[in-house]
Amino acid sequence: MGVELNVILAYAFGLILLYLVGWILIIPLKYIIKLLINGLIGGVVLLALNFVGKFIGFTIGINPITALVVGFLGIPGVILLLVLNYIL
């Protein structure tokens, strides 16, 4: 009436497989969360920069390209956009 060895091994294999699939799915989620946080911080800095820039005379347009640059690079992306805006 005991549990057979095949059943125990199947459960163990299933648990290991479930752990590996969960681990594989969590890793990209960390990158997506980091990208969202960088995008939010960069967007806030970009909005603040545009608010202050109105008085000085320069602004950076907020569009999908600038949002992607700021989302991928964060604060250095805002600095990059400032330099590009100054040069061009």
Protein backbone atom coordinates (compact mmCIF):
# COMPACT_ATOMS: atom_id res chain seq x y z
CA MET A 1 0.00 0.00 0.00
CA GLY A 2 3.04 2.27 0.02
CA VAL A 3 3.92 4.82 -2.61
CA GLU A 4 6.00 3.46 -5.44
CA LEU A 5 9.42 4.81 -6.31
CA ASN A 6 8.23 5.84 -9.79
CA VAL A 7 5.58 8.13 -8.31
CA ILE A 8 8.08 9.76 -5.93
CA LEU A 9 10.55 10.34 -8.78
CA ALA A 10 7.78 11.78 -10.98
CA TYR A 11 6.77 14.24 -8.25
CA ALA A 12 10.39 15.22 -7.65
CA PHE A 13 10.98 15.72 -11.37
CA GLY A 14 7.78 17.79 -11.62
CA LEU A 15 8.83 20.01 -8.71
CA ILE A 16 12.29 20.56 -10.16
CA LEU A 17 10.80 21.35 -13.56
CA LEU A 18 8.31 23.77 -12.00
CA TYR A 19 11.14 25.50 -10.14
CA LEU A 20 13.24 25.85 -13.31
CA VAL A 21 10.33 27.21 -15.37
CA GLY A 22 9.48 29.70 -12.62
CA TRP A 23 13.11 30.80 -12.41
CA ILE A 24 13.30 31.26 -16.17
CA LEU A 25 10.14 33.39 -16.14
CA ILE A 26 11.24 35.54 -13.19
CA ILE A 27 14.53 36.68 -14.75
CA PRO A 28 12.93 38.63 -17.65
CA LEU A 29 10.40 40.06 -15.22
CA LYS A 30 13.25 41.64 -13.23
CA TYR A 31 14.52 43.36 -16.38
CA ILE A 32 11.05 44.63 -17.25
CA ILE A 33 10.58 46.03 -13.74
CA LYS A 34 14.00 47.70 -13.90
CA LEU A 35 13.11 49.20 -17.29
CA LEU A 36 9.83 50.54 -15.92
CA ILE A 37 11.51 52.08 -12.89
CA ASN A 38 14.20 53.69 -15.07
CA GLY A 39 11.52 54.99 -17.41
CA LEU A 40 9.50 56.48 -14.57
CA ILE A 41 12.51 58.17 -12.97
CA GLY A 42 13.74 59.40 -16.35
CA GLY A 43 10.28 60.64 -17.29
CA VAL A 44 9.96 62.59 -14.05
CA VAL A 45 13.40 64.11 -14.57
CA LEU A 46 12.48 64.91 -18.19
CA LEU A 47 9.27 66.63 -17.10
CA ALA A 48 11.12 68.58 -14.42
CA LEU A 49 13.80 69.52 -16.93
CA ASN A 50 11.15 70.76 -19.37
CA PHE A 51 9.49 72.76 -16.59
CA VAL A 52 12.76 74.46 -15.63
CA GLY A 53 13.85 74.66 -19.26
CA LYS A 54 10.85 76.83 -20.16
CA PHE A 55 12.38 79.67 -18.18
CA ILE A 56 15.87 79.18 -19.62
CA GLY A 57 14.73 78.60 -23.20
CA PHE A 58 15.22 74.92 -23.99
CA THR A 59 12.90 71.93 -23.89
CA ILE A 60 13.08 68.31 -24.92
CA GLY A 61 10.05 66.89 -26.68
CA ILE A 62 8.44 63.93 -24.99
CA ASN A 63 7.73 61.35 -27.70
CA PRO A 64 8.18 57.58 -28.06
CA ILE A 65 11.84 57.87 -29.13
CA THR A 66 12.84 60.03 -26.17
CA ALA A 67 10.77 57.83 -23.87
CA LEU A 68 12.63 54.73 -25.12
CA VAL A 69 16.03 56.42 -24.69
CA VAL A 70 15.15 57.51 -21.17
CA GLY A 71 13.57 54.11 -20.41
CA PHE A 72 16.66 52.17 -21.46
CA LEU A 73 19.29 54.52 -20.10
CA GLY A 74 17.52 56.31 -17.23
CA ILE A 75 19.17 59.53 -16.03
CA PRO A 76 22.15 59.16 -18.42
CA GLY A 77 19.57 59.04 -21.23
CA VAL A 78 18.23 62.43 -20.15
CA ILE A 79 21.77 63.81 -20.17
CA LEU A 80 22.31 62.29 -23.63
CA LEU A 81 19.13 63.97 -24.90
CA LEU A 82 20.28 67.28 -23.43
CA VAL A 83 23.62 67.04 -25.21
CA LEU A 84 21.97 66.05 -28.49
CA ASN A 85 19.48 68.89 -28.17
CA TYR A 86 22.30 71.34 -27.53
CA ILE A 87 24.38 70.07 -30.48
CA LEU A 88 21.53 69.84 -32.96
